[in-house]
């Protein structure tokens, strides 16, 4: 594994830790941030195996789009696209005025990210 791939994983792990800390915060938790960092963790972990396999990932935050690049080059990869879309929507929608994540949505984003994280790390 290259230093570049390790750096992507390290940054992803920090995003996951941040999402978890914010979810556990007792004083004014920021559920929007939980959703954002959960998605960011998975985006980076989807790009890490691509880089490891010599594929330059496109600059996108859309996890369903990244899935289209990862599936053909990594036969072990498969994930329900609905969950990838949920994380993408949660990260983008709740980052701007007009909508805010509730505790349940943040918990769902973190739970999905946790399962995805395990799967993606197993690919490396």
C-alpha atoms as a PDB file:
ATOM      1  CA  UNK A   1       0.000   0.000   0.000  1.00  0.00           C
ATOM      2  CA  UNK A   2       1.393   3.376  -1.008  1.00  0.00           C
ATOM      3  CA  UNK A   3       1.800   6.397   1.244  1.00  0.00           C
ATOM      4  CA  UNK A   4      -0.894   8.150  -0.776  1.00  0.00           C
ATOM      5  CA  UNK A   5      -3.432   5.389  -0.152  1.00  0.00           C
ATOM      6  CA  UNK A   6      -2.503   5.372   3.552  1.00  0.00           C
ATOM      7  CA  UNK A   7      -3.107   9.125   3.692  1.00  0.00           C
ATOM      8  CA  UNK A   8      -6.576   8.726   2.128  1.00  0.00           C
ATOM      9  CA  UNK A   9      -7.378   6.066   4.737  1.00  0.00           C
ATOM     10  CA  UNK A  10      -6.033   8.208   7.581  1.00  0.00           C
ATOM     11  CA  UNK A  11      -8.153  11.170   6.518  1.00  0.00           C
ATOM     12  CA  UNK A  12     -11.200   8.901   6.163  1.00  0.00           C
ATOM     13  CA  UNK A  13     -10.648   7.500   9.645  1.00  0.00           C
ATOM     14  CA  UNK A  14     -10.460  11.028  11.052  1.00  0.00           C
ATOM     15  CA  UNK A  15     -13.756  11.889   9.363  1.00  0.00           C
ATOM     16  CA  UNK A  16     -15.349   8.774  10.879  1.00  0.00           C
ATOM     17  CA  UNK A  17     -14.006   9.645  14.329  1.00  0.00           C
ATOM     18  CA  UNK A  18     -15.308  13.208  14.009  1.00  0.00           C
ATOM     19  CA  UNK A  19     -18.767  11.954  13.017  1.00  0.00           C
ATOM     20  CA  UNK A  20     -18.808   9.601  15.995  1.00  0.00           C
ATOM     21  CA  UNK A  21     -17.667  12.274  18.459  1.00  0.00           C
ATOM     22  CA  UNK A  22     -20.291  14.700  17.229  1.00  0.00           C
ATOM     23  CA  UNK A  23     -22.997  12.028  17.432  1.00  0.00           C
ATOM     24  CA  UNK A  24     -22.061  11.393  21.074  1.00  0.00           C
ATOM     25  CA  UNK A  25     -21.856  15.085  21.994  1.00  0.00           C
ATOM     26  CA  UNK A  26     -24.158  15.884  24.882  1.00  0.00           C
ATOM     27  CA  UNK A  27     -24.087  19.654  24.479  1.00  0.00           C
ATOM     28  CA  UNK A  28     -25.610  20.847  21.202  1.00  0.00           C
ATOM     29  CA  UNK A  29     -24.638  18.001  18.868  1.00  0.00           C
ATOM     30  CA  UNK A  30     -24.332  19.028  15.240  1.00  0.00           C
ATOM     31  CA  UNK A  31     -26.212  16.301  13.358  1.00  0.00           C
ATOM     32  CA  UNK A  32     -25.516  18.025  10.038  1.00  0.00           C
ATOM     33  CA  UNK A  33     -21.799  17.529  10.707  1.00  0.00           C
ATOM     34  CA  UNK A  34     -22.346  13.861  11.557  1.00  0.00           C
ATOM     35  CA  UNK A  35     -23.924  13.348   8.131  1.00  0.00           C
ATOM     36  CA  UNK A  36     -21.212  15.322   6.354  1.00  0.00           C
ATOM     37  CA  UNK A  37     -18.285  13.527   7.980  1.00  0.00           C
ATOM     38  CA  UNK A  38     -19.923  10.110   7.553  1.00  0.00           C
ATOM     39  CA  UNK A  39     -20.162  10.767   3.807  1.00  0.00           C
ATOM     40  CA  UNK A  40     -16.649  12.195   3.651  1.00  0.00           C
ATOM     41  CA  UNK A  41     -15.264   9.070   5.309  1.00  0.00           C
ATOM     42  CA  UNK A  42     -16.878   6.833   2.717  1.00  0.00           C
ATOM     43  CA  UNK A  43     -15.961   9.048  -0.219  1.00  0.00           C
ATOM     44  CA  UNK A  44     -12.299   8.829   0.770  1.00  0.00           C
ATOM     45  CA  UNK A  45     -12.508   5.087   1.429  1.00  0.00           C
ATOM     46  CA  UNK A  46     -14.077   4.539  -1.999  1.00  0.00           C
ATOM     47  CA  UNK A  47     -11.301   6.536  -3.633  1.00  0.00           C
ATOM     48  CA  UNK A  48      -8.519   4.708  -1.738  1.00  0.00           C
ATOM     49  CA  UNK A  49      -8.984   1.316  -3.474  1.00  0.00           C
ATOM     50  CA  UNK A  50      -9.337   3.070  -6.815  1.00  0.00           C
ATOM     51  CA  UNK A  51      -5.976   4.761  -6.274  1.00  0.00           C
ATOM     52  CA  UNK A  52      -4.529   1.477  -4.985  1.00  0.00           C
ATOM     53  CA  UNK A  53      -5.632  -0.173  -8.250  1.00  0.00           C
ATOM     54  CA  UNK A  54      -4.141   2.611 -10.370  1.00  0.00           C
ATOM     55  CA  UNK A  55      -7.415   4.362 -11.218  1.00  0.00           C
ATOM     56  CA  UNK A  56      -7.472   8.132 -10.788  1.00  0.00           C
ATOM     57  CA  UNK A  57     -10.796   8.899  -9.096  1.00  0.00           C
ATOM     58  CA  UNK A  58     -12.943  11.644 -10.492  1.00  0.00           C
ATOM     59  CA  UNK A  59     -13.444  14.753  -8.388  1.00  0.00           C
ATOM     60  CA  UNK A  60     -16.935  14.086  -7.113  1.00  0.00           C
ATOM     61  CA  UNK A  61     -18.762  13.725  -3.816  1.00  0.00           C
ATOM     62  CA  UNK A  62     -21.445  11.487  -5.361  1.00  0.00           C
ATOM     63  CA  UNK A  63     -20.963   8.021  -3.868  1.00  0.00           C
ATOM     64  CA  UNK A  64     -23.283   6.338  -6.380  1.00  0.00           C
ATOM     65  CA  UNK A  65     -21.149   7.808  -9.156  1.00  0.00           C
ATOM     66  CA  UNK A  66     -17.957   6.542  -7.503  1.00  0.00           C
ATOM     67  CA  UNK A  67     -19.615   3.122  -7.250  1.00  0.00           C
ATOM     68  CA  UNK A  68     -19.703   3.015 -11.055  1.00  0.00           C
ATOM     69  CA  UNK A  69     -15.896   3.323 -11.122  1.00  0.00           C
ATOM     70  CA  UNK A  70     -15.150   0.946  -8.269  1.00  0.00           C
ATOM     71  CA  UNK A  71     -17.409  -1.981  -9.240  1.00  0.00           C
ATOM     72  CA  UNK A  72     -15.712  -2.761 -12.596  1.00  0.00           C
ATOM     73  CA  UNK A  73     -12.171  -2.789 -11.185  1.00  0.00           C
ATOM     74  CA  UNK A  74     -12.886  -4.444  -7.843  1.00  0.00           C
ATOM     75  CA  UNK A  75     -14.977  -7.626  -8.179  1.00  0.00           C
ATOM     76  CA  UNK A  76     -15.353  -7.903  -4.382  1.00  0.00           C
ATOM     77  CA  UNK A  77     -17.143  -4.559  -4.254  1.00  0.00           C
ATOM     78  CA  UNK A  78     -20.905  -4.372  -4.129  1.00  0.00           C
ATOM     79  CA  UNK A  79     -23.192  -2.121  -2.138  1.00  0.00           C
ATOM     80  CA  UNK A  80     -26.853  -1.065  -2.276  1.00  0.00           C
ATOM     81  CA  UNK A  81     -26.940   2.154  -4.278  1.00  0.00           C
ATOM     82  CA  UNK A  82     -29.805   3.470  -2.137  1.00  0.00           C
ATOM     83  CA  UNK A  83     -27.487   3.689   0.861  1.00  0.00           C
ATOM     84  CA  UNK A  84     -24.802   5.424  -1.184  1.00  0.00           C
ATOM     85  CA  UNK A  85     -27.391   7.943  -2.367  1.00  0.00           C
ATOM     86  CA  UNK A  86     -28.645   8.477   1.196  1.00  0.00           C
ATOM     87  CA  UNK A  87     -25.159   9.383   2.417  1.00  0.00           C
ATOM     88  CA  UNK A  88     -24.531  11.688  -0.523  1.00  0.00           C
ATOM     89  CA  UNK A  89     -27.856  13.466  -0.078  1.00  0.00           C
ATOM     90  CA  UNK A  90     -27.395  13.738   3.690  1.00  0.00           C
ATOM     91  CA  UNK A  91     -23.960  15.289   3.328  1.00  0.00           C
ATOM     92  CA  UNK A  92     -24.995  17.854   0.737  1.00  0.00           C
ATOM     93  CA  UNK A  93     -28.565  18.712   1.719  1.00  0.00           C
ATOM     94  CA  UNK A  94     -27.854  19.345   5.386  1.00  0.00           C
ATOM     95  CA  UNK A  95     -24.772  21.481   4.809  1.00  0.00           C
ATOM     96  CA  UNK A  96     -26.780  24.487   3.640  1.00  0.00           C
ATOM     97  CA  UNK A  97     -29.686  26.520   4.990  1.00  0.00           C
ATOM     98  CA  UNK A  98     -33.164  25.154   4.443  1.00  0.00           C
ATOM     99  CA  UNK A  99     -32.797  21.680   5.949  1.00  0.00           C
ATOM    100  CA  UNK A 100     -31.192  20.231   9.041  1.00  0.00           C
ATOM    101  CA  UNK A 101     -30.485  16.664  10.036  1.00  0.00           C
ATOM    102  CA  UNK A 102     -32.389  15.174  12.919  1.00  0.00           C
ATOM    103  CA  UNK A 103     -30.812  12.730  15.354  1.00  0.00           C
ATOM    104  CA  UNK A 104     -32.383   9.754  13.557  1.00  0.00           C
ATOM    105  CA  UNK A 105     -30.954  10.769  10.164  1.00  0.00           C
ATOM    106  CA  UNK A 106     -27.518  11.342  11.658  1.00  0.00           C
ATOM    107  CA  UNK A 107     -27.644   7.962  13.397  1.00  0.00           C
ATOM    108  CA  UNK A 108     -28.626   6.289  10.128  1.00  0.00           C
ATOM    109  CA  UNK A 109     -25.802   8.030   8.236  1.00  0.00           C
ATOM    110  CA  UNK A 110     -23.260   6.954  10.843  1.00  0.00           C
ATOM    111  CA  UNK A 111     -24.574   3.380  10.899  1.00  0.00           C
ATOM    112  CA  UNK A 112     -24.405   3.071   7.102  1.00  0.00           C
ATOM    113  CA  UNK A 113     -20.935   4.612   7.091  1.00  0.00           C
ATOM    114  CA  UNK A 114     -19.788   2.148   9.737  1.00  0.00           C
ATOM    115  CA  UNK A 115     -20.835  -0.843   7.659  1.00  0.00           C
ATOM    116  CA  UNK A 116     -19.418   0.650   4.469  1.00  0.00           C
ATOM    117  CA  UNK A 117     -16.172   1.477   6.236  1.00  0.00           C
ATOM    118  CA  UNK A 118     -15.684  -2.158   7.261  1.00  0.00           C
ATOM    119  CA  UNK A 119     -16.358  -3.386   3.734  1.00  0.00           C
ATOM    120  CA  UNK A 120     -14.076  -0.835   2.076  1.00  0.00           C
ATOM    121  CA  UNK A 121     -11.201  -1.376   4.498  1.00  0.00           C
ATOM    122  CA  UNK A 122     -11.427  -5.101   3.816  1.00  0.00           C
ATOM    123  CA  UNK A 123     -10.708  -4.378   0.138  1.00  0.00           C
ATOM    124  CA  UNK A 124      -7.316  -2.852   0.885  1.00  0.00           C
END
